[in-house]
C-alpha cells in the first residue's frame, strides 16, 4: 500500500467533537475530531490520506 485517500463526510456533531465517516461505512466506520481542531465552522467533508510507515 502506497497511499489511500478517503473523503470523509460529516455524520454528526457531539458536544466537543465532529464525527466523520466514509459514505458507505465500509472503509472507516467513524473518526471523531475535536471541534477546536476544525475551526469555527466544521467542514462537511474532510480528505484523509493514509500511508504505510
Protein backbone atom coordinates (compact mmCIF):
# COMPACT_ATOMS: atom_id res chain seq x y z
CA UNK A 1 0.00 0.00 0.00
CA UNK A 2 1.49 3.33 -1.03
CA UNK A 3 -1.31 5.71 -0.06
CA UNK A 4 -5.04 5.57 0.44
CA UNK A 5 -7.02 8.81 0.05
CA UNK A 6 -10.50 8.97 1.56
CA UNK A 7 -13.16 11.65 1.57
CA UNK A 8 -14.95 11.58 4.90
CA UNK A 9 -18.41 13.13 5.26
CA UNK A 10 -19.71 14.79 8.41
CA UNK A 11 -22.11 12.35 10.09
CA UNK A 12 -23.00 14.19 13.30
CA UNK A 13 -21.86 16.65 15.96
CA UNK A 14 -21.35 15.78 19.60
CA UNK A 15 -20.70 18.24 22.41
CA UNK A 16 -16.95 18.55 21.75
CA UNK A 17 -16.34 16.54 18.60
CA UNK A 18 -17.46 16.18 15.00
CA UNK A 19 -17.95 12.65 13.65
CA UNK A 20 -16.85 11.90 10.08
CA UNK A 21 -17.04 8.64 8.13
CA UNK A 22 -16.98 7.23 4.62
CA UNK A 23 -20.29 7.48 2.77
CA UNK A 24 -20.93 3.72 2.86
CA UNK A 25 -19.09 2.98 6.10
CA UNK A 26 -17.05 0.14 4.63
CA UNK A 27 -13.54 1.59 4.89
CA UNK A 28 -13.69 3.70 8.05
CA UNK A 29 -16.72 3.49 10.32
CA UNK A 30 -16.14 6.84 12.05
CA UNK A 31 -13.48 9.36 13.01
CA UNK A 32 -14.00 11.73 15.94
CA UNK A 33 -12.24 15.09 15.56
CA UNK A 34 -12.15 17.76 18.27
CA UNK A 35 -14.21 20.77 17.24
CA UNK A 36 -11.33 23.07 18.26
CA UNK A 37 -9.14 21.49 15.57
CA UNK A 38 -11.69 22.19 12.83
CA UNK A 39 -12.10 25.95 13.19
CA UNK A 40 -15.26 27.95 13.72
CA UNK A 41 -17.45 26.08 11.20
CA UNK A 42 -16.60 22.36 10.75
CA UNK A 43 -16.47 21.38 7.06
CA UNK A 44 -19.00 18.96 5.60
CA UNK A 45 -16.17 16.85 4.11
CA UNK A 46 -12.52 16.25 5.01
CA UNK A 47 -9.87 14.46 2.97
CA UNK A 48 -7.67 11.92 4.78
CA UNK A 49 -4.52 10.42 3.31
CA UNK A 50 -3.23 7.20 4.87
CA UNK A 51 0.20 5.82 4.09
CA UNK A 52 2.29 2.94 5.37
CA UNK A 53 5.17 3.72 7.69
